[in-house]
């Protein structure tokens, strides 16, 4: 699924059969669960903002979560959690580098 050369994985809020994934705040919920996984580890108050390794966003009108591949090296179980979330919910996943 994810090659070792891509720096980020995009979990899209669209199922493989083309339906919009619900609930509508799924991306924020997933990123919120991952908020403590960050460079240098969790700090006091870090639960109040998203991890730089797992960021919810909206790309072309589609809710997405951008997962940085560095998460895999830092905490493999957290990486497996987000990747398995996408698989379990039949979500589209792509890879690359987010360009602003």
N, C-alpha and C. Protein backbone atom coordinates (compact mmCIF):
# COMPACT_ATOMS: atom_id res chain seq x y z
N UNK A 1 0.80 -1.19 0.00
CA UNK A 1 0.00 0.00 0.00
C UNK A 1 0.85 1.25 0.00
N UNK A 2 1.70 1.43 0.99
CA UNK A 2 2.49 2.65 1.10
C UNK A 2 3.96 2.34 0.80
N UNK A 3 4.53 3.03 -0.16
CA UNK A 3 5.93 2.80 -0.50
C UNK A 3 6.82 3.52 0.50
N UNK A 4 8.07 3.14 0.56
CA UNK A 4 8.97 3.74 1.53
C UNK A 4 9.50 5.09 1.07
N UNK A 5 9.23 5.50 -0.17
CA UNK A 5 9.76 6.77 -0.65
C UNK A 5 8.81 7.95 -0.39
N UNK A 6 7.54 7.71 -0.22
CA UNK A 6 6.58 8.78 0.04
C UNK A 6 6.73 9.26 1.48
N UNK A 7 6.70 10.56 1.68
CA UNK A 7 6.88 11.09 3.04
C UNK A 7 5.57 11.17 3.81
N UNK A 8 4.44 11.12 3.10
CA UNK A 8 3.15 11.22 3.77
C UNK A 8 2.13 10.28 3.14
N UNK A 9 1.18 9.88 3.98
CA UNK A 9 0.06 9.06 3.54
C UNK A 9 -1.19 9.89 3.76
N UNK A 10 -2.07 9.91 2.77
CA UNK A 10 -3.32 10.67 2.83
C UNK A 10 -4.48 9.69 2.99
N UNK A 11 -5.15 9.79 4.11
CA UNK A 11 -6.36 9.00 4.32
C UNK A 11 -7.53 9.91 3.95
N UNK A 12 -8.27 9.51 2.94
CA UNK A 12 -9.35 10.34 2.41
C UNK A 12 -10.70 9.91 2.98
N UNK A 13 -11.57 10.85 3.18
CA UNK A 13 -12.90 10.58 3.72
C UNK A 13 -13.89 10.10 2.68
N UNK A 14 -13.39 9.31 1.74
CA UNK A 14 -14.21 8.70 0.69
C UNK A 14 -13.93 7.20 0.72
N UNK A 15 -14.99 6.42 0.76
CA UNK A 15 -14.80 4.97 0.75
C UNK A 15 -14.44 4.52 -0.66
N UNK A 16 -13.94 3.33 -0.77
CA UNK A 16 -13.53 2.82 -2.08
C UNK A 16 -14.69 2.65 -3.05
N UNK A 17 -15.91 2.61 -2.50
CA UNK A 17 -17.07 2.55 -3.39
C UNK A 17 -17.67 3.94 -3.63
N UNK A 18 -16.94 5.00 -3.23
CA UNK A 18 -17.32 6.36 -3.58
C UNK A 18 -18.23 7.10 -2.62
N UNK A 19 -18.55 6.50 -1.47
CA UNK A 19 -19.42 7.18 -0.51
C UNK A 19 -18.61 8.06 0.45
N UNK A 20 -19.23 9.14 0.90
CA UNK A 20 -18.60 10.01 1.89
C UNK A 20 -18.61 9.31 3.24
N UNK A 21 -17.46 9.28 3.90
CA UNK A 21 -17.35 8.61 5.19
C UNK A 21 -17.99 9.46 6.27
N UNK A 22 -18.69 8.82 7.18
CA UNK A 22 -19.34 9.47 8.30
C UNK A 22 -18.86 8.87 9.59
N UNK A 23 -18.81 9.61 10.68
CA UNK A 23 -19.38 10.93 10.90
C UNK A 23 -18.55 12.02 10.23
N UNK A 24 -19.13 13.19 10.09
CA UNK A 24 -18.47 14.26 9.36
C UNK A 24 -17.21 14.77 10.05
N UNK A 25 -17.05 14.53 11.33
CA UNK A 25 -15.85 14.98 12.05
C UNK A 25 -14.84 13.86 12.28
N UNK A 26 -14.88 12.83 11.45
CA UNK A 26 -14.00 11.68 11.64
C UNK A 26 -12.52 12.07 11.61
N UNK A 27 -12.15 13.00 10.74
CA UNK A 27 -10.73 13.38 10.60
C UNK A 27 -10.22 14.05 11.87
N UNK A 28 -11.02 14.94 12.43
CA UNK A 28 -10.64 15.61 13.66
C UNK A 28 -10.56 14.63 14.83
N UNK A 29 -11.48 13.68 14.86
CA UNK A 29 -11.46 12.66 15.93
C UNK A 29 -10.21 11.80 15.84
N UNK A 30 -9.90 11.33 14.64
CA UNK A 30 -8.72 10.49 14.45
C UNK A 30 -7.45 11.26 14.82
N UNK A 31 -7.32 12.48 14.33
CA UNK A 31 -6.15 13.30 14.65
C UNK A 31 -6.09 13.62 16.14
N UNK A 32 -7.24 13.80 16.77
CA UNK A 32 -7.27 14.06 18.20
C UNK A 32 -6.74 12.89 19.01
N UNK A 33 -7.10 11.68 18.60
CA UNK A 33 -6.60 10.48 19.27
C UNK A 33 -5.08 10.40 19.14
N UNK A 34 -4.55 10.87 18.02
CA UNK A 34 -3.12 10.78 17.76
C UNK A 34 -2.33 11.99 18.28
N UNK A 35 -2.97 12.92 18.96
CA UNK A 35 -2.33 14.19 19.35
C UNK A 35 -1.12 14.02 20.25
N UNK A 36 -1.06 12.97 21.04
CA UNK A 36 0.08 12.81 21.94
C UNK A 36 1.33 12.27 21.25
N UNK A 37 1.20 11.78 20.03
CA UNK A 37 2.35 11.28 19.29
C UNK A 37 2.97 12.42 18.50
N UNK A 38 4.14 12.85 18.97
CA UNK A 38 4.80 14.02 18.38
C UNK A 38 6.29 13.93 18.64
N UNK A 39 7.09 14.66 17.84
CA UNK A 39 8.53 14.68 18.10
C UNK A 39 8.80 15.15 19.53
N UNK A 40 9.63 14.44 20.23
CA UNK A 40 9.94 14.78 21.62
C UNK A 40 8.93 14.24 22.62
N UNK A 41 7.90 13.57 22.15
CA UNK A 41 6.91 12.99 23.05
C UNK A 41 5.87 13.99 23.51
N UNK A 42 4.91 13.48 24.25
CA UNK A 42 3.83 14.33 24.76
C UNK A 42 4.38 15.31 25.80
N UNK A 43 3.86 16.51 25.76
CA UNK A 43 4.22 17.56 26.71
C UNK A 43 2.93 18.02 27.40
N UNK A 44 3.05 18.70 28.54
CA UNK A 44 1.82 19.24 29.16
C UNK A 44 1.08 20.13 28.16
N UNK A 45 -0.18 19.86 27.99
CA UNK A 45 -1.00 20.64 27.08
C UNK A 45 -0.96 20.20 25.63
N UNK A 46 -0.12 19.22 25.30
CA UNK A 46 -0.02 18.82 23.89
C UNK A 46 -1.30 18.17 23.37
N UNK A 47 -2.14 17.72 24.28
CA UNK A 47 -3.42 17.14 23.86
C UNK A 47 -4.37 18.20 23.31
N UNK A 48 -4.00 19.46 23.45
CA UNK A 48 -4.85 20.55 23.00
C UNK A 48 -4.63 20.94 21.54
N UNK A 49 -3.62 20.35 20.90
CA UNK A 49 -3.42 20.60 19.48
C UNK A 49 -3.00 19.30 18.79
N UNK A 50 -3.08 19.30 17.48
CA UNK A 50 -2.80 18.09 16.72
C UNK A 50 -1.30 17.82 16.63
N UNK A 51 -0.97 16.57 16.50
CA UNK A 51 0.39 16.16 16.27
C UNK A 51 0.83 16.61 14.88
N UNK A 52 2.08 17.02 14.71
CA UNK A 52 2.54 17.36 13.36
C UNK A 52 2.64 16.12 12.47
N UNK A 53 2.48 14.95 13.03
CA UNK A 53 2.54 13.71 12.26
C UNK A 53 1.17 13.21 11.82
N UNK A 54 0.11 13.83 12.28
CA UNK A 54 -1.24 13.37 11.95
C UNK A 54 -2.18 14.57 11.95
N UNK A 55 -2.41 15.14 10.78
CA UNK A 55 -3.09 16.42 10.66
C UNK A 55 -4.37 16.29 9.84
N UNK A 56 -5.50 16.72 10.41
CA UNK A 56 -6.73 16.73 9.61
C UNK A 56 -6.72 17.93 8.67
N UNK A 57 -7.28 17.76 7.51
CA UNK A 57 -7.34 18.85 6.55
C UNK A 57 -8.48 18.59 5.57
N UNK A 58 -8.66 19.50 4.66
CA UNK A 58 -9.66 19.38 3.62
C UNK A 58 -8.95 19.63 2.28
N UNK A 59 -8.99 18.65 1.40
CA UNK A 59 -8.33 18.77 0.10
C UNK A 59 -9.40 18.61 -0.98
N UNK A 60 -9.58 19.66 -1.76
CA UNK A 60 -10.57 19.66 -2.84
C UNK A 60 -11.96 19.26 -2.34
N UNK A 61 -12.32 19.74 -1.15
CA UNK A 61 -13.64 19.48 -0.60
C UNK A 61 -13.80 18.13 0.08
N UNK A 62 -12.71 17.39 0.22
CA UNK A 62 -12.76 16.07 0.84
C UNK A 62 -11.98 16.11 2.15
N UNK A 63 -12.62 15.66 3.23
CA UNK A 63 -11.92 15.56 4.51
C UNK A 63 -10.82 14.52 4.37
N UNK A 64 -9.65 14.84 4.91
CA UNK A 64 -8.50 13.94 4.85
C UNK A 64 -7.71 14.04 6.15
N UNK A 65 -6.91 13.04 6.39
CA UNK A 65 -5.90 13.09 7.44
C UNK A 65 -4.57 12.81 6.77
N UNK A 66 -3.62 13.72 6.99
CA UNK A 66 -2.28 13.54 6.44
C UNK A 66 -1.43 12.93 7.55
N UNK A 67 -0.88 11.76 7.28
CA UNK A 67 -0.07 11.05 8.26
C UNK A 67 1.37 11.03 7.76
N UNK A 68 2.25 11.64 8.54
CA UNK A 68 3.66 11.68 8.18
C UNK A 68 4.30 10.33 8.47
N UNK A 69 5.12 9.87 7.55
CA UNK A 69 5.75 8.56 7.69
C UNK A 69 6.69 8.48 8.90
N UNK A 70 7.15 9.61 9.43
CA UNK A 70 8.00 9.59 10.62
C UNK A 70 7.29 8.94 11.81
N UNK A 71 5.97 8.99 11.83
CA UNK A 71 5.21 8.35 12.91
C UNK A 71 5.53 6.86 12.98
N UNK A 72 5.72 6.24 11.83
CA UNK A 72 5.99 4.80 11.79
C UNK A 72 7.28 4.45 12.54
N UNK A 73 8.31 5.26 12.38
CA UNK A 73 9.58 5.01 13.06
C UNK A 73 9.48 5.33 14.55
N UNK A 74 8.74 6.37 14.89
CA UNK A 74 8.63 6.81 16.28
C UNK A 74 7.77 5.86 17.11
N UNK A 75 6.61 5.48 16.56
CA UNK A 75 5.67 4.63 17.28
C UNK A 75 4.92 3.73 16.30
N UNK A 76 5.48 2.55 16.02
CA UNK A 76 4.87 1.65 15.04
C UNK A 76 3.42 1.27 15.35
N UNK A 77 3.07 1.16 16.62
CA UNK A 77 1.69 0.80 16.96
C UNK A 77 0.72 1.93 16.61
N UNK A 78 1.14 3.17 16.77
CA UNK A 78 0.29 4.31 16.39
C UNK A 78 0.12 4.33 14.88
N UNK A 79 1.21 4.09 14.15
CA UNK A 79 1.15 4.01 12.69
C UNK A 79 0.16 2.92 12.26
N UNK A 80 0.30 1.75 12.85
CA UNK A 80 -0.61 0.65 12.52
C UNK A 80 -2.06 1.02 12.82
N UNK A 81 -2.27 1.74 13.91
CA UNK A 81 -3.63 2.15 14.27
C UNK A 81 -4.27 2.99 13.17
N UNK A 82 -3.56 4.02 12.69
CA UNK A 82 -4.17 4.89 11.68
C UNK A 82 -4.32 4.17 10.34
N UNK A 83 -3.34 3.36 9.97
CA UNK A 83 -3.43 2.62 8.70
C UNK A 83 -4.56 1.59 8.77
N UNK A 84 -4.68 0.91 9.89
CA UNK A 84 -5.76 -0.07 10.04
C UNK A 84 -7.12 0.60 10.14
N UNK A 85 -7.19 1.82 10.67
CA UNK A 85 -8.43 2.58 10.67
C UNK A 85 -8.91 2.77 9.23
N UNK A 86 -7.98 3.16 8.37
CA UNK A 86 -8.33 3.36 6.96
C UNK A 86 -8.78 2.05 6.32
N UNK A 87 -8.05 0.98 6.56
CA UNK A 87 -8.40 -0.32 5.98
C UNK A 87 -9.75 -0.81 6.50
N UNK A 88 -9.93 -0.74 7.82
CA UNK A 88 -11.17 -1.24 8.44
C UNK A 88 -12.40 -0.50 7.94
N UNK A 89 -12.24 0.77 7.58
CA UNK A 89 -13.36 1.59 7.12
C UNK A 89 -13.41 1.73 5.61
N UNK A 90 -12.55 0.96 4.92
CA UNK A 90 -12.54 0.91 3.46
C UNK A 90 -12.31 2.30 2.83
N UNK A 91 -11.44 3.10 3.46
CA UNK A 91 -11.18 4.45 2.99
C UNK A 91 -10.08 4.46 1.93
N UNK A 92 -10.19 5.41 1.03
CA UNK A 92 -9.14 5.58 0.02
C UNK A 92 -7.89 6.12 0.68
N UNK A 93 -6.75 5.59 0.28
CA UNK A 93 -5.46 6.01 0.81
C UNK A 93 -4.54 6.28 -0.37
N UNK A 94 -3.84 7.41 -0.31
CA UNK A 94 -2.84 7.72 -1.32
C UNK A 94 -1.59 8.20 -0.61
N UNK A 95 -0.55 8.40 -1.35
CA UNK A 95 0.70 8.82 -0.73
C UNK A 95 1.38 9.89 -1.55
N UNK A 96 2.29 10.59 -0.91
CA UNK A 96 3.02 11.64 -1.58
C UNK A 96 3.51 12.67 -0.60
N UNK A 97 3.52 13.91 -1.03
CA UNK A 97 3.94 15.03 -0.20
C UNK A 97 2.92 16.13 -0.38
N UNK A 98 2.39 16.63 0.73
CA UNK A 98 1.38 17.68 0.66
C UNK A 98 2.01 18.99 0.23
N UNK A 99 1.45 19.60 -0.78
CA UNK A 99 1.92 20.89 -1.29
C UNK A 99 0.87 21.93 -0.97
N UNK A 100 1.27 22.98 -0.28
CA UNK A 100 0.32 24.05 0.07
C UNK A 100 0.10 24.98 -1.08
